[in-house]
């Protein structure tokens, strides 16, 4: 299960949003996983992800992060993740990971039919598929959908609702560009699954009054 399954938005806004993970299991594949996770990150980095990182060290949009040091300091852990914006690039990453045969689980989060097509083109069939059942409980306490589209791009919800509202307002007032506002949001996501390119696109629509 991955918390990136909760990403909100219409399909048209999710077609360029793909998160690929390397996962390890405690007591099974976690011990001795450091070199495998480092290789996973090196492979992803070759294809210029829009975000990459892990939950312990942060992501490339944070000011004090050096990606080479982040990879070098990778120890045995739960995993790492990278974000891509097109299926062709994702397919190349998958193909190289197949050749690398790291022996750890690889998950991809995205629109189901697109991810399935990507895997088949790379020469494999997906092992399983998982869906989010949505939000349950006191849904009236959730913010508006516009805010959730940004907040749920961080699986742990580290981009606060009020920060998102403030940045949207700054974009509307031309105090920040959509690109700069998206980068500020991305800094808050420790595990590196926030997609700043998708956030910028959504903010561009805000700027133009389309949202």
Protein backbone atom coordinates (compact mmCIF):
# COMPACT_ATOMS: atom_id res chain seq x y z
CA UNK A 1 0.00 0.00 0.00
CA UNK A 2 1.24 3.49 -0.79
CA UNK A 3 -0.15 6.78 0.47
CA UNK A 4 0.28 8.28 -3.01
CA UNK A 5 -2.90 6.44 -4.02
CA UNK A 6 -4.86 9.25 -2.37
CA UNK A 7 -3.85 11.88 -4.94
CA UNK A 8 -6.90 13.95 -5.85
CA UNK A 9 -7.85 15.42 -9.20
CA UNK A 10 -9.58 14.73 -12.49
CA UNK A 11 -7.87 12.20 -14.80
CA UNK A 12 -6.68 14.98 -17.12
CA UNK A 13 -4.64 16.48 -14.29
CA UNK A 14 -3.13 13.12 -13.32
CA UNK A 15 -1.86 11.94 -16.70
CA UNK A 16 1.58 13.44 -16.08
CA UNK A 17 2.05 12.27 -12.51
CA UNK A 18 3.90 9.00 -11.89
CA UNK A 19 5.65 8.02 -8.67
CA UNK A 20 8.00 5.04 -8.65
CA UNK A 21 9.15 3.49 -5.36
CA UNK A 22 11.68 0.98 -4.18
CA UNK A 23 10.29 -0.78 -1.11
CA UNK A 24 11.89 -3.14 1.38
CA UNK A 25 10.29 -5.37 3.99
CA UNK A 26 11.59 -5.55 7.56
CA UNK A 27 13.03 -8.97 8.30
CA UNK A 28 12.94 -9.98 4.63
CA UNK A 29 14.66 -7.55 2.27
CA UNK A 30 15.51 -4.54 4.46
CA UNK A 31 18.75 -5.83 5.94
CA UNK A 32 21.53 -5.18 3.43
CA UNK A 33 19.26 -3.05 1.22
CA UNK A 34 21.42 0.11 1.22
CA UNK A 35 23.36 -0.63 -2.01
CA UNK A 36 20.13 -1.67 -3.74
CA UNK A 37 18.37 1.55 -2.75
CA UNK A 38 21.38 3.58 -3.85
CA UNK A 39 21.32 1.86 -7.24
CA UNK A 40 17.58 2.47 -7.55
CA UNK A 41 18.13 6.18 -6.94
CA UNK A 42 21.05 6.36 -9.38
CA UNK A 43 18.95 4.74 -12.09
CA UNK A 44 16.05 7.13 -11.49
CA UNK A 45 18.38 10.13 -11.37
CA UNK A 46 19.72 9.34 -14.86
CA UNK A 47 16.27 10.09 -16.27
CA UNK A 48 15.87 13.51 -14.63
CA UNK A 49 12.96 13.03 -12.23
CA UNK A 50 11.08 16.15 -11.17
CA UNK A 51 11.49 14.98 -7.58
CA UNK A 52 13.46 12.27 -5.80
CA UNK A 53 14.24 11.47 -2.18
CA UNK A 54 13.49 9.34 0.82
CA UNK A 55 11.59 9.84 4.05
CA UNK A 56 14.69 10.03 6.25
CA UNK A 57 16.80 12.53 4.30
CA UNK A 58 14.35 14.67 2.35
CA UNK A 59 14.03 15.55 -1.35
CA UNK A 60 15.99 17.47 -3.97
CA UNK A 61 13.88 20.63 -3.64
CA UNK A 62 15.02 21.29 -0.10
CA UNK A 63 17.76 23.91 0.09
CA UNK A 64 20.29 21.87 2.06
CA UNK A 65 19.98 18.67 0.01
CA UNK A 66 22.85 17.45 -2.18
CA UNK A 67 21.51 14.54 -4.18
CA UNK A 68 24.87 12.81 -4.46
CA UNK A 69 25.34 12.96 -0.69
CA UNK A 70 21.75 11.81 -0.18
CA UNK A 71 22.41 8.73 -2.31
CA UNK A 72 25.79 8.08 -0.71
CA UNK A 73 24.28 8.31 2.78
CA UNK A 74 21.46 5.90 1.96
CA UNK A 75 21.42 3.13 4.53
CA UNK A 76 19.24 0.06 4.97
CA UNK A 77 15.76 1.51 5.00
CA UNK A 78 12.13 1.32 4.02
CA UNK A 79 12.72 2.71 0.55
CA UNK A 80 13.10 5.65 -1.81
CA UNK A 81 10.97 7.33 -4.47
CA UNK A 82 11.14 9.41 -7.65
CA UNK A 83 8.54 11.32 -9.66
CA UNK A 84 8.27 11.48 -13.45
CA UNK A 85 5.93 13.35 -15.76
CA UNK A 86 5.74 11.19 -18.88
CA UNK A 87 5.23 7.52 -19.62
CA UNK A 88 8.07 7.16 -22.11
CA UNK A 89 10.62 8.18 -19.50
CA UNK A 90 8.95 6.01 -16.87
CA UNK A 91 9.13 3.05 -19.24
CA UNK A 92 12.88 3.53 -19.67
CA UNK A 93 13.30 3.61 -15.90
CA UNK A 94 11.29 0.40 -15.54
CA UNK A 95 13.30 -1.31 -18.28
CA UNK A 96 16.59 -0.43 -16.58
CA UNK A 97 15.29 -1.57 -13.20
CA UNK A 98 14.32 -4.89 -14.77
CA UNK A 99 17.88 -5.31 -16.02
CA UNK A 100 19.29 -4.30 -12.64
CA UNK A 101 17.20 -7.00 -10.90
CA UNK A 102 17.66 -5.44 -7.47
CA UNK A 103 15.63 -8.02 -5.60
CA UNK A 104 13.39 -5.47 -3.85
CA UNK A 105 9.80 -4.45 -4.55
CA UNK A 106 9.15 -1.73 -7.11
CA UNK A 107 5.79 0.08 -7.00
CA UNK A 108 4.41 2.63 -9.44
CA UNK A 109 1.63 5.03 -8.55
CA UNK A 110 -0.42 6.57 -11.36
CA UNK A 111 -3.53 6.10 -13.47
CA UNK A 112 -4.06 2.35 -13.54
CA UNK A 113 -4.45 1.83 -17.29
CA UNK A 114 -1.42 3.97 -18.05
CA UNK A 115 0.82 2.19 -15.57
CA UNK A 116 -0.33 -1.18 -16.89
CA UNK A 117 0.45 -0.15 -20.48
CA UNK A 118 3.87 1.10 -19.38
CA UNK A 119 4.72 -2.20 -17.70
CA UNK A 120 3.62 -4.23 -20.70
CA UNK A 121 5.72 -2.13 -23.07
CA UNK A 122 8.67 -2.73 -20.75
CA UNK A 123 8.04 -6.46 -21.06
CA UNK A 124 6.48 -7.30 -17.70
CA UNK A 125 3.04 -7.80 -16.20
CA UNK A 126 2.18 -6.02 -12.97
CA UNK A 127 2.14 -8.23 -9.91
CA UNK A 128 -0.91 -6.59 -8.32
CA UNK A 129 -2.95 -3.41 -8.27
CA UNK A 130 -4.20 -1.30 -5.38
CA UNK A 131 -6.87 1.39 -5.27
CA UNK A 132 -7.68 4.08 -2.77
CA UNK A 133 -11.26 3.87 -1.49
CA UNK A 134 -11.27 7.62 -0.89
CA UNK A 135 -11.81 9.54 2.32
CA UNK A 136 -14.06 8.18 5.07
CA UNK A 137 -15.42 9.78 8.21
CA UNK A 138 -16.13 13.45 8.83
CA UNK A 139 -15.51 14.60 5.29
CA UNK A 140 -17.10 17.96 6.04
CA UNK A 141 -13.93 18.77 7.97
CA UNK A 142 -11.79 18.45 4.85
CA UNK A 143 -10.78 21.56 2.90
CA UNK A 144 -12.06 22.30 -0.57
CA UNK A 145 -11.03 19.97 -3.39
CA UNK A 146 -8.74 22.61 -4.90
CA UNK A 147 -6.61 22.50 -1.74
CA UNK A 148 -6.66 18.70 -1.56
CA UNK A 149 -5.24 18.43 -5.07
CA UNK A 150 -2.04 20.00 -3.76
CA UNK A 151 -2.02 18.52 -0.26
CA UNK A 152 -2.47 14.91 -1.40
CA UNK A 153 0.58 15.12 -3.67
CA UNK A 154 2.50 14.67 -0.42
CA UNK A 155 1.45 11.25 0.80
CA UNK A 156 2.02 12.25 4.42
CA UNK A 157 0.07 15.51 4.06
CA UNK A 158 3.08 17.64 5.02
CA UNK A 159 2.04 20.54 2.79
CA UNK A 160 -0.39 22.31 5.10
CA UNK A 161 -3.80 23.50 3.98
CA UNK A 162 -3.15 27.06 5.12
CA UNK A 163 0.22 27.23 3.36
CA UNK A 164 -1.45 26.10 0.14
CA UNK A 165 -4.15 28.76 0.52
CA UNK A 166 -1.51 31.42 1.16
CA UNK A 167 0.55 30.42 -1.88
CA UNK A 168 -2.53 30.33 -4.11
CA UNK A 169 -3.38 33.84 -2.94
CA UNK A 170 0.17 35.02 -3.65
CA UNK A 171 -0.03 33.57 -7.16
CA UNK A 172 -3.35 35.33 -7.77
CA UNK A 173 -1.83 38.62 -6.58
CA UNK A 174 1.28 38.05 -8.76
CA UNK A 175 3.53 38.04 -5.70
CA UNK A 176 4.84 34.61 -6.62
CA UNK A 177 5.15 32.78 -9.91
CA UNK A 178 3.44 29.37 -10.12
CA UNK A 179 6.88 27.77 -10.45
CA UNK A 180 8.20 29.38 -7.26
CA UNK A 181 5.03 28.58 -5.30
CA UNK A 182 5.20 24.95 -6.47
CA UNK A 183 8.81 24.67 -5.30
CA UNK A 184 7.89 26.01 -1.85
CA UNK A 185 5.23 23.32 -1.58
CA UNK A 186 7.66 20.63 -2.74
CA UNK A 187 10.13 21.53 0.02
CA UNK A 188 7.59 20.44 2.64
CA UNK A 189 7.32 16.87 1.33
CA UNK A 190 10.08 14.94 3.10
CA UNK A 191 9.76 11.70 1.15
CA UNK A 192 10.07 13.27 -2.31
CA UNK A 193 6.77 12.24 -3.93
CA UNK A 194 5.36 15.75 -4.42
CA UNK A 195 5.12 16.63 -8.13
CA UNK A 196 6.13 20.31 -8.55
CA UNK A 197 5.44 20.24 -12.29
CA UNK A 198 1.83 19.21 -11.77
CA UNK A 199 1.53 21.80 -8.97
CA UNK A 200 2.86 24.49 -11.31
CA UNK A 201 0.31 23.55 -13.97
CA UNK A 202 -2.51 23.74 -11.44
CA UNK A 203 -1.25 27.11 -10.20
CA UNK A 204 -1.01 28.44 -13.75
CA UNK A 205 -4.72 27.76 -14.07
CA UNK A 206 -5.29 29.61 -10.81
CA UNK A 207 -3.31 32.57 -12.17
CA UNK A 208 -5.40 32.62 -15.35
CA UNK A 209 -8.65 32.43 -13.37
CA UNK A 210 -9.49 28.98 -14.71
CA UNK A 211 -9.83 27.49 -11.22
